[in-house]
Amino acid sequence: MSNPQYQRLLAGAFNRPVALEPGYARVFFSALANRVGGIDRLIDVNGEVLDSSQMQLEASSFNRRRAENRNYELVDGIAIVPVDGSLTHKLGQLHPYSGMTGYDGIHRKLSEAMQDPNVRGVMLDIDSPGGMVAGCFDLADIIARYRDMKPIWSLGYDMHCSAAQMIASACSHRLITQTGVAGSVGVIMAHANVEKMMAKQGTEITLITAGKHKADGNPYEALPDAVRDKWQKQLEATRLTFATKAAGYMNIDVQKVLATEAETFEGQAAIDAGFANEIVNGSDAIAVMAEHLNAQGKKIIDMGSSMTIEAPNKEAAVTVTASEATTEPTSDVLAEAATAERSRIMGILSLDEAKGREATANTLANNPNMDVETAKGILATIPVAANQRDEQVLAALGQQHGESLTPDADDHEQNGDEKAVSALVSAYGRKR
């Protein structure tokens, strides 16, 4: 630990009084212990003992909760992410900009929402005719991965076609307005031939190439049949990938998707084609999703202390107390359920794949529907950033005045960990 900032932090944090709220002190010293090393347990003011893995989880669990710091609107626990206009790869803008939305901006907001403890679901508010293939399939895969963590719905208000249909297909549930348009599962390519125009201007273009395919599709000559045939095959392959992915996400037959021949459908016809699930008034969409999430509650059995047990029928979850239950569970049953739940949570948190991905592991562990193997698969696909996060957290703690490290909201390089760090800095400054 050669960083002088950590040395100053150590000198000021140990064997000297610090003015920190007790709960926040756990975060502070857990983060410090993770970076310093050699500290294998922490005893808090309530006498609770945290081992090294629990300290690591505690350090990664700090999240900002102020609505003004979110990059999306939050209504009734639902994060609203707008997807407007043409969809582009690496736009570099967090929000829709000049009639375009970047796949990178959508990804950034989804990642933030997955880490936000106040977000219980996401609504992609889509009004887009589609856009680039580059980046589209990758984003769809991310959405399909994230929907195992929290519900992600789409709203076609009033269009999700082509690339936007790909995005909607990956969502947990697809809403559409009565005049909304969906579909267009296909791809298109344009070739411009300016040969005759150049001839009229008296301009002659000579291309000198190395490699016979280097100038394929150049605009200064008519498109050769061989190049057209090659591109046609590429388009068909891309369309097949598009249809296969979309059909798999929507759990429908790929032949049904291919049979549409890239046609578009409106309202109820989109539902009949399998591209949407439900017609709503656009202004009611959030309320519809909120009502659905409320119905996905859990059975609560009050035995003097709260305990949550999965309802056997998640579509018709109920809340009961011990006095209302027809069969009162025995202490052995409750103990077994509690042991199983602890085992599931610790199984996820102790995975090798959870190292460096603690915030995501914590989110997965808090989802009672998430089993260890599924969590392992999700975590394995997420880049590791543990060392970077520790550096950022402790650099934040070392700030003497609690200045935020958060870049502008439009800086698409900022991630969820950096947001947590910024909040940690601000909180530390206020508590001192």
Protein backbone atom coordinates (compact mmCIF):
# COMPACT_ATOMS: atom_id res chain seq x y z
CA MET A 1 0.00 0.00 0.00
CA SER A 2 2.38 2.64 -1.29
CA ASN A 3 -0.18 5.28 -2.19
CA PRO A 4 0.43 8.27 0.15
CA GLN A 5 -3.28 8.97 0.16
CA TYR A 6 -3.94 5.60 1.81
CA GLN A 7 -1.21 6.29 4.37
CA ARG A 8 -2.91 9.55 5.34
CA LEU A 9 -6.25 7.78 5.44
CA LEU A 10 -4.90 5.05 7.70
CA ALA A 11 -3.35 7.58 10.04
CA GLY A 12 -6.60 9.47 10.32
CA ALA A 13 -8.93 6.48 10.51
CA PHE A 14 -7.33 4.24 13.15
CA ASN A 15 -6.85 5.01 16.83
CA ARG A 16 -8.52 8.38 16.37
CA PRO A 17 -12.16 9.41 16.66
CA VAL A 18 -14.12 9.67 13.41
CA ALA A 19 -17.57 11.23 13.06
CA LEU A 20 -19.35 8.59 10.98
CA GLU A 21 -22.85 7.18 11.16
CA PRO A 22 -22.45 3.54 12.38
CA GLY A 23 -23.94 1.94 9.30
CA TYR A 24 -21.73 4.01 7.05
CA ALA A 25 -18.71 3.23 9.24
CA ARG A 26 -19.12 -0.43 8.23
CA VAL A 27 -18.79 0.59 4.59
CA PHE A 28 -15.83 2.87 5.32
CA PHE A 29 -13.73 0.35 7.22
CA SER A 30 -14.75 -2.57 5.00
CA ALA A 31 -13.55 -0.69 1.92
CA LEU A 32 -10.34 0.22 3.68
CA ALA A 33 -9.76 -3.36 4.84
CA ASN A 34 -10.24 -4.70 1.31
CA ARG A 35 -7.54 -2.42 -0.02
CA VAL A 36 -5.05 -2.58 2.85
CA GLY A 37 -5.18 -6.35 3.28
CA GLY A 38 -4.27 -8.32 6.38
CA ILE A 39 -7.57 -7.46 8.11
CA ASP A 40 -9.64 -10.61 8.33
CA ARG A 41 -12.59 -9.43 10.37
CA LEU A 42 -14.51 -6.37 11.50
CA ILE A 43 -16.62 -6.03 14.64
CA ASP A 44 -19.22 -3.27 14.37
CA VAL A 45 -20.84 -1.22 17.15
CA ASN A 46 -23.57 -3.84 17.55
CA GLY A 47 -21.04 -6.63 18.07
CA GLU A 48 -21.67 -8.18 14.65
CA VAL A 49 -18.59 -9.85 13.18
CA LEU A 50 -17.91 -9.51 9.46
CA ASP A 51 -15.38 -11.83 7.81
CA SER A 52 -13.33 -10.85 4.75
CA SER A 53 -15.99 -11.88 2.22
CA GLN A 54 -18.70 -10.02 4.15
CA MET A 55 -16.50 -6.92 4.30
CA GLN A 56 -16.00 -7.11 0.57
CA LEU A 57 -19.75 -7.30 0.07
CA GLU A 58 -20.31 -4.42 2.49
CA ALA A 59 -17.79 -2.23 0.65
CA SER A 60 -19.49 -2.83 -2.69
CA SER A 61 -23.03 -2.34 -1.40
CA PHE A 62 -22.96 1.44 -1.02
CA ASN A 63 -25.28 3.03 -3.59
CA ARG A 64 -26.42 6.57 -4.14
CA ARG A 65 -30.16 6.88 -3.69
CA ARG A 66 -30.89 10.50 -4.56
CA ALA A 67 -33.22 10.65 -7.57
CA GLU A 68 -31.41 13.61 -9.09
CA ASN A 69 -28.30 11.49 -9.51
CA ARG A 70 -30.00 8.86 -11.64
CA ASN A 71 -29.71 8.86 -15.39
CA TYR A 72 -33.33 7.79 -15.81
CA GLU A 73 -36.70 8.76 -14.43
CA LEU A 74 -37.91 6.52 -11.61
CA VAL A 75 -41.66 6.05 -11.17
CA ASP A 76 -43.05 3.58 -8.62
CA GLY A 77 -39.77 1.68 -8.62
CA ILE A 78 -39.68 1.48 -12.42
CA ALA A 79 -36.76 3.02 -14.32
CA ILE A 80 -37.93 4.59 -17.59
CA VAL A 81 -35.32 4.44 -20.36
CA PRO A 82 -36.23 6.27 -23.61
CA VAL A 83 -35.19 4.68 -26.91
CA ASP A 84 -35.92 7.21 -29.65
CA GLY A 85 -35.07 7.66 -33.32
CA SER A 86 -32.28 5.91 -35.19
CA LEU A 87 -30.25 3.41 -33.17
CA THR A 88 -26.50 3.75 -33.50
CA HIS A 89 -23.35 2.00 -32.36
CA LYS A 90 -21.04 3.90 -29.98
CA LEU A 91 -22.92 7.20 -30.16
CA GLY A 92 -21.08 8.36 -27.06
CA GLN A 93 -24.19 10.02 -25.63
CA LEU A 94 -26.04 8.83 -22.56
CA HIS A 95 -29.41 10.21 -23.67
CA PRO A 96 -31.14 10.36 -27.09
CA TYR A 97 -29.35 13.00 -29.15
CA SER A 98 -30.20 14.64 -32.50
CA GLY A 99 -32.79 12.01 -33.38
CA MET A 100 -30.51 9.11 -32.39
CA THR A 101 -30.07 6.78 -29.44
CA GLY A 102 -26.82 4.91 -28.85
CA TYR A 103 -26.77 1.27 -27.88
CA ASP A 104 -23.99 2.24 -25.47
CA GLY A 105 -26.24 4.75 -23.70
CA ILE A 106 -29.03 2.17 -23.30
CA HIS A 107 -26.54 -0.35 -21.95
CA ARG A 108 -25.14 2.18 -19.48
CA LYS A 109 -28.58 3.03 -18.08
CA LEU A 110 -29.58 -0.63 -17.81
CA SER A 111 -26.38 -1.42 -15.93
CA GLU A 112 -27.07 1.45 -13.55
CA ALA A 113 -30.66 0.30 -13.01
CA MET A 114 -29.53 -3.25 -12.23
CA GLN A 115 -27.33 -1.86 -9.42
CA ASP A 116 -29.94 0.59 -8.10
CA PRO A 117 -31.66 -0.93 -5.03
CA ASN A 118 -34.69 1.32 -5.57
CA VAL A 119 -35.30 -0.02 -9.08
CA ARG A 120 -37.50 -3.09 -9.21
CA GLY A 121 -38.00 -3.09 -12.98
CA VAL A 122 -37.14 -1.23 -16.19
CA MET A 123 -39.37 0.09 -18.96
CA LEU A 124 -37.77 0.72 -22.36
CA ASP A 125 -39.98 3.44 -23.87
CA ILE A 126 -39.36 2.79 -27.57
CA ASP A 127 -40.24 4.89 -30.59
CA SER A 128 -37.71 3.82 -33.20
CA PRO A 129 -37.67 2.49 -36.78
CA GLY A 130 -34.40 0.67 -36.10
CA GLY A 131 -30.80 1.39 -36.95
CA MET A 132 -27.37 -0.18 -37.15
CA VAL A 133 -26.77 -3.91 -36.95
CA ALA A 134 -23.40 -3.25 -35.29
CA GLY A 135 -23.99 -3.29 -31.53
CA CYS A 136 -27.65 -4.33 -31.80
CA PHE A 137 -27.27 -8.06 -31.15
CA ASP A 138 -24.81 -7.41 -28.32
CA LEU A 139 -27.28 -5.09 -26.58
CA ALA A 140 -30.09 -7.63 -27.02
CA ASP A 141 -27.91 -10.26 -25.36
CA ILE A 142 -27.24 -7.87 -22.47
CA ILE A 143 -30.96 -7.20 -22.03
CA ALA A 144 -31.71 -10.94 -22.02
CA ARG A 145 -29.02 -11.39 -19.37
CA TYR A 146 -30.29 -8.52 -17.22
CA ARG A 147 -33.93 -9.61 -17.37
CA ASP A 148 -32.93 -12.54 -15.15
CA MET A 149 -31.95 -9.97 -12.53
CA LYS A 150 -34.90 -7.58 -12.81
CA PRO A 151 -37.94 -7.45 -15.13
CA ILE A 152 -37.30 -5.41 -18.28
CA TRP A 153 -40.38 -4.43 -20.28
CA SER A 154 -40.67 -2.60 -23.59
CA LEU A 155 -43.34 -0.19 -24.78
CA GLY A 156 -43.87 0.35 -28.50
CA TYR A 157 -45.06 3.94 -28.32
CA ASP A 158 -45.57 4.08 -31.25
CA MET A 159 -42.93 2.01 -33.05
CA HIS A 160 -40.34 -0.67 -32.46
CA CYS A 161 -39.21 -2.04 -35.80
CA SER A 162 -36.13 -3.77 -37.18
CA ALA A 163 -33.24 -3.16 -34.73
CA ALA A 164 -35.73 -1.74 -32.22
CA GLN A 165 -37.75 -4.97 -32.56
CA MET A 166 -34.56 -6.89 -31.76
CA ILE A 167 -34.21 -4.88 -28.55
CA ALA A 168 -37.88 -5.31 -27.65
CA SER A 169 -37.68 -9.05 -28.35
CA ALA A 170 -35.07 -9.48 -25.62
CA CYS A 171 -37.33 -7.87 -22.99
CA SER A 172 -39.37 -9.81 -20.43
CA HIS A 173 -42.68 -8.43 -21.70
CA ARG A 174 -43.65 -6.26 -24.68
CA LEU A 175 -46.38 -3.65 -24.58
CA ILE A 176 -47.66 -1.84 -27.66
CA THR A 177 -50.20 0.90 -28.28
CA GLN A 178 -53.25 0.33 -30.49
CA THR A 179 -51.53 2.17 -33.34
CA GLY A 180 -48.01 0.99 -32.49
CA VAL A 181 -46.00 -0.65 -35.26
CA ALA A 182 -43.71 -3.64 -34.75
CA GLY A 183 -41.79 -6.19 -36.78
CA SER A 184 -39.59 -5.65 -39.86
CA VAL A 185 -37.30 -8.53 -38.89
CA GLY A 186 -34.88 -8.14 -41.77
CA VAL A 187 -31.86 -6.20 -42.97
CA ILE A 188 -31.20 -3.90 -45.90
CA MET A 189 -28.13 -2.60 -47.73
CA ALA A 190 -27.74 0.25 -50.22
CA HIS A 191 -25.15 0.70 -52.96
CA ALA A 192 -24.62 4.01 -54.75
CA ASN A 193 -23.21 4.06 -58.29
CA VAL A 194 -21.93 7.52 -59.28
CA GLU A 195 -20.11 6.34 -62.39
CA LYS A 196 -22.39 8.13 -64.87
CA MET A 197 -22.49 11.31 -62.81
CA MET A 198 -18.71 11.43 -62.71
CA ALA A 199 -18.57 10.86 -66.49
CA LYS A 200 -20.91 13.81 -67.10
CA GLN A 201 -18.62 15.99 -64.99
CA GLY A 202 -15.67 14.84 -67.02
CA THR A 203 -14.08 13.11 -64.05
CA GLU A 204 -12.49 9.71 -64.35
CA ILE A 205 -11.67 7.70 -61.20
CA THR A 206 -8.95 5.07 -61.29
CA LEU A 207 -8.78 2.67 -58.37
CA ILE A 208 -5.47 0.94 -57.72
CA THR A 209 -5.84 -1.97 -55.31
CA ALA A 210 -3.93 -4.88 -53.85
CA GLY A 211 -6.27 -7.81 -53.33
CA LYS A 212 -9.07 -8.51 -55.78
CA HIS A 213 -11.85 -7.83 -53.26
CA LYS A 214 -10.37 -4.61 -51.86
CA ALA A 215 -12.65 -2.37 -53.95
CA ASP A 216 -15.78 -4.52 -53.78
CA GLY A 217 -18.84 -2.26 -53.75
CA ASN A 218 -17.01 0.94 -54.61
CA PRO A 219 -19.34 3.72 -55.87
CA TYR A 220 -17.42 4.43 -59.08
CA GLU A 221 -18.65 1.42 -61.04
CA ALA A 222 -21.75 -0.70 -61.38
CA LEU A 223 -22.12 -3.39 -58.73
CA PRO A 224 -20.74 -6.67 -60.14
CA ASP A 225 -23.03 -9.69 -59.96
CA ALA A 226 -20.49 -11.63 -57.90
CA VAL A 227 -20.36 -8.90 -55.27
CA ARG A 228 -24.15 -8.59 -55.22
CA ASP A 229 -24.48 -12.35 -54.70
CA LYS A 230 -21.92 -12.29 -51.88
CA TRP A 231 -23.69 -9.43 -50.13
CA GLN A 232 -27.06 -11.09 -50.59
CA LYS A 233 -25.77 -14.18 -48.81
CA GLN A 234 -24.41 -12.01 -45.99
CA LEU A 235 -27.77 -10.29 -45.64
CA GLU A 236 -29.61 -13.61 -45.50
CA ALA A 237 -27.21 -14.86 -42.83
CA THR A 238 -27.71 -11.70 -40.77
CA ARG A 239 -31.48 -11.95 -41.15
CA LEU A 240 -31.38 -15.57 -39.97
CA THR A 241 -29.33 -14.55 -36.92
CA PHE A 242 -31.81 -11.74 -36.25
CA ALA A 243 -34.85 -14.02 -36.53
CA THR A 244 -33.26 -16.82 -34.51
CA LYS A 245 -32.28 -14.55 -31.63
CA ALA A 246 -35.63 -12.73 -31.61
CA ALA A 247 -37.61 -15.96 -31.74
CA GLY A 248 -35.55 -17.47 -28.94
CA TYR A 249 -36.01 -14.44 -26.69
CA MET A 250 -39.77 -14.32 -27.39
CA ASN A 251 -40.14 -18.12 -27.15
CA ILE A 252 -41.81 -18.49 -30.55
CA ASP A 253 -40.99 -20.59 -33.62
CA VAL A 254 -38.25 -19.04 -35.75
CA GLN A 255 -40.11 -20.14 -38.88
CA LYS A 256 -43.02 -17.96 -37.81
CA VAL A 257 -40.68 -14.98 -37.62
CA LEU A 258 -39.03 -15.75 -40.95
CA ALA A 259 -42.44 -16.21 -42.59
CA THR A 260 -43.26 -12.55 -41.93
CA GLU A 261 -40.65 -11.66 -44.59
CA ALA A 262 -39.76 -8.47 -42.68
CA GLU A 263 -43.35 -7.19 -42.76
CA THR A 264 -44.54 -4.69 -40.15
CA PHE A 265 -47.66 -5.08 -38.01
CA GLU A 266 -49.86 -2.62 -36.15
CA GLY A 267 -51.54 -2.99 -32.76
CA GLN A 268 -53.32 -6.32 -32.35
CA ALA A 269 -51.74 -7.66 -35.53
CA ALA A 270 -48.32 -7.26 -33.86
CA ILE A 271 -49.54 -9.40 -30.97
CA ASP A 272 -50.92 -12.02 -33.37
CA ALA A 273 -47.53 -12.13 -35.10
CA GLY A 274 -45.80 -12.67 -31.76
CA PHE A 275 -43.93 -9.37 -31.72
CA ALA A 276 -45.84 -7.90 -28.76
CA ASN A 277 -47.75 -9.28 -25.78
CA GLU A 278 -50.29 -6.69 -24.74
CA ILE A 279 -52.05 -3.55 -26.00
CA VAL A 280 -52.06 -0.58 -23.64
CA ASN A 281 -52.69 3.11 -23.71
CA GLY A 282 -49.21 4.61 -23.72
CA SER A 283 -49.92 6.75 -20.69
CA ASP A 284 -50.99 3.69 -18.69
CA ALA A 285 -47.91 1.57 -19.40
CA ILE A 286 -46.03 2.28 -16.17
CA ALA A 287 -49.15 1.67 -14.08
CA VAL A 288 -49.70 -1.65 -15.88
CA MET A 289 -46.14 -2.76 -15.17
CA ALA A 290 -46.31 -1.57 -11.55
CA GLU A 291 -49.54 -3.51 -11.00
CA HIS A 292 -47.92 -6.62 -12.45
CA LEU A 293 -44.87 -6.26 -10.21
CA ASN A 294 -47.09 -5.73 -7.18
CA ALA A 295 -48.87 -8.97 -8.02
CA GLN A 296 -45.52 -10.78 -8.02
CA GLY A 297 -45.28 -10.39 -4.24
CA LYS A 298 -44.14 -13.02 -1.76
CA LYS A 299 -45.96 -14.88 0.95
CA ILE A 300 -45.10 -13.38 4.35
CA ILE A 301 -45.50 -15.50 7.49
CA ASP A 302 -45.33 -13.42 10.66
CA MET A 303 -43.92 -15.51 13.51
CA GLY A 304 -42.85 -12.58 15.64
CA SER A 305 -40.06 -11.69 13.22
CA SER A 306 -40.32 -11.18 9.50
CA MET A 307 -39.47 -14.05 7.21
CA THR A 308 -39.99 -14.21 3.45
CA ILE A 309 -40.93 -17.44 1.73
CA GLU A 310 -41.54 -17.84 -2.01
CA ALA A 311 -45.18 -18.14 -2.93
CA PRO A 312 -45.69 -21.46 -4.76
CA ASN A 313 -47.78 -19.67 -7.40
CA LYS A 314 -45.91 -16.50 -8.33
CA GLU A 315 -48.78 -15.27 -10.47
CA ALA A 316 -51.09 -15.26 -7.47
CA ALA A 317 -48.86 -14.47 -4.52
CA VAL A 318 -50.59 -13.67 -1.23
CA THR A 319 -49.69 -12.29 2.17
CA VAL A 320 -50.72 -14.22 5.27
CA THR A 321 -49.86 -14.21 8.95
CA ALA A 322 -49.43 -17.22 11.20
CA SER A 323 -52.94 -16.75 12.58
CA GLU A 324 -54.42 -16.72 9.06
CA ALA A 325 -52.51 -19.69 7.73
CA THR A 326 -54.46 -22.92 7.52
CA THR A 327 -51.37 -24.90 8.47
CA GLU A 328 -48.89 -23.24 10.76
CA PRO A 329 -45.31 -24.06 9.76
CA THR A 330 -43.23 -25.73 12.41
CA SER A 331 -40.00 -24.23 13.69
CA ASP A 332 -38.13 -27.00 11.87
CA VAL A 333 -39.74 -26.00 8.56
CA LEU A 334 -38.88 -22.35 9.11
CA ALA A 335 -35.34 -23.19 10.15
CA GLU A 336 -34.90 -25.39 7.07
CA ALA A 337 -36.22 -22.63 4.81
CA ALA A 338 -33.94 -20.06 6.42
CA THR A 339 -30.93 -22.37 6.13
CA ALA A 340 -31.66 -23.04 2.45
CA GLU A 341 -31.98 -19.33 1.72
CA ARG A 342 -28.72 -18.54 3.53
CA SER A 343 -27.04 -21.33 1.62
CA ARG A 344 -28.32 -19.95 -1.69
CA ILE A 345 -27.17 -16.41 -0.88
CA MET A 346 -23.73 -17.43 0.35
CA GLY A 347 -23.39 -19.83 -2.57
CA ILE A 348 -23.74 -16.90 -4.97
CA LEU A 349 -21.57 -14.52 -2.98
CA SER A 350 -18.77 -17.08 -2.58
CA LEU A 351 -18.56 -17.97 -6.28
CA ASP A 352 -15.17 -17.39 -7.88
CA GLU A 353 -17.08 -15.48 -10.57
CA ALA A 354 -18.34 -13.04 -7.91
CA LYS A 355 -14.84 -11.72 -7.25
CA GLY A 356 -14.55 -8.30 -8.80
CA ARG A 357 -18.28 -8.31 -9.51
CA GLU A 358 -19.52 -7.93 -5.93
CA ALA A 359 -22.27 -5.37 -6.60
CA THR A 360 -23.84 -7.57 -9.29
CA ALA A 361 -23.44 -10.67 -7.12
CA ASN A 362 -25.21 -8.85 -4.29
CA THR A 363 -28.11 -7.95 -6.60
CA LEU A 364 -28.39 -11.55 -7.80
CA ALA A 365 -28.21 -12.91 -4.26
CA ASN A 366 -31.06 -10.61 -3.18
CA ASN A 367 -33.30 -12.09 -5.88
CA PRO A 368 -34.92 -15.18 -4.30
CA ASN A 369 -35.66 -16.56 -7.78
CA MET A 370 -31.96 -16.69 -8.65
CA ASP A 371 -30.21 -20.02 -8.15
CA VAL A 372 -26.46 -20.40 -7.80
CA GLU A 373 -25.81 -21.93 -11.23
CA THR A 374 -27.77 -19.26 -13.09
CA ALA A 375 -25.99 -16.54 -11.12
CA LYS A 376 -22.65 -18.14 -11.96
CA GLY A 377 -23.44 -17.98 -15.67
CA ILE A 378 -24.48 -14.32 -15.48
CA LEU A 379 -21.46 -13.26 -13.44
CA ALA A 380 -19.07 -15.06 -15.78
CA THR A 381 -20.10 -12.77 -18.65
CA ILE A 382 -19.48 -9.50 -16.76
CA PRO A 383 -16.01 -7.89 -16.87
CA VAL A 384 -14.02 -7.89 -13.64
CA ALA A 385 -13.29 -4.48 -12.13
CA ALA A 386 -12.51 -5.25 -8.49
CA ASN A 387 -9.08 -3.67 -8.34
CA GLN A 388 -10.27 -0.58 -10.13
CA ARG A 389 -13.24 -0.27 -7.77
CA ASP A 390 -11.09 -0.59 -4.65
CA GLU A 391 -8.77 2.11 -5.97
CA GLN A 392 -11.74 4.35 -6.69
CA VAL A 393 -13.49 3.72 -3.38
CA LEU A 394 -10.44 4.44 -1.30
CA ALA A 395 -9.42 7.41 -3.40
CA ALA A 396 -12.92 8.70 -2.72
CA LEU A 397 -12.59 8.08 1.00
CA GLY A 398 -9.32 9.99 0.98
CA GLN A 399 -10.97 13.17 -0.29
CA GLN A 400 -11.05 15.71 2.50
CA HIS A 401 -14.01 17.73 1.26
CA GLY A 402 -16.26 15.12 -0.30
CA GLU A 403 -15.99 16.42 -3.88
CA SER A 404 -17.84 14.27 -6.38
CA LEU A 405 -15.81 12.27 -8.89
CA THR A 406 -18.82 11.88 -11.16
CA PRO A 407 -18.23 13.08 -14.74
CA ASP A 408 -21.00 14.81 -16.65
CA ALA A 409 -24.06 12.66 -17.19
CA ASP A 410 -23.28 12.45 -20.89
CA ASP A 411 -19.90 10.82 -20.29
CA HIS A 412 -20.70 7.31 -21.46
CA GLU A 413 -17.53 5.87 -19.93
CA GLN A 414 -18.84 6.30 -16.39
CA ASN A 415 -20.12 3.04 -14.90
CA GLY A 416 -22.23 2.04 -11.91
CA ASP A 417 -19.19 1.52 -9.69
CA GLU A 418 -18.03 5.08 -10.37
CA LYS A 419 -21.46 6.38 -9.37
CA ALA A 420 -21.24 4.48 -6.08
CA VAL A 421 -17.82 5.95 -5.47
CA SER A 422 -19.10 9.47 -6.10
CA ALA A 423 -21.91 8.95 -3.63
CA LEU A 424 -19.47 7.52 -1.11
CA VAL A 425 -17.30 10.60 -1.42
CA SER A 426 -20.20 12.95 -0.88
CA ALA A 427 -21.45 10.98 2.12
CA TYR A 428 -18.01 10.90 3.71
CA GLY A 429 -17.70 14.64 3.34
CA ARG A 430 -21.04 15.26 4.96
CA LYS A 431 -20.45 12.89 7.90
CA ARG A 432 -17.08 14.24 8.94
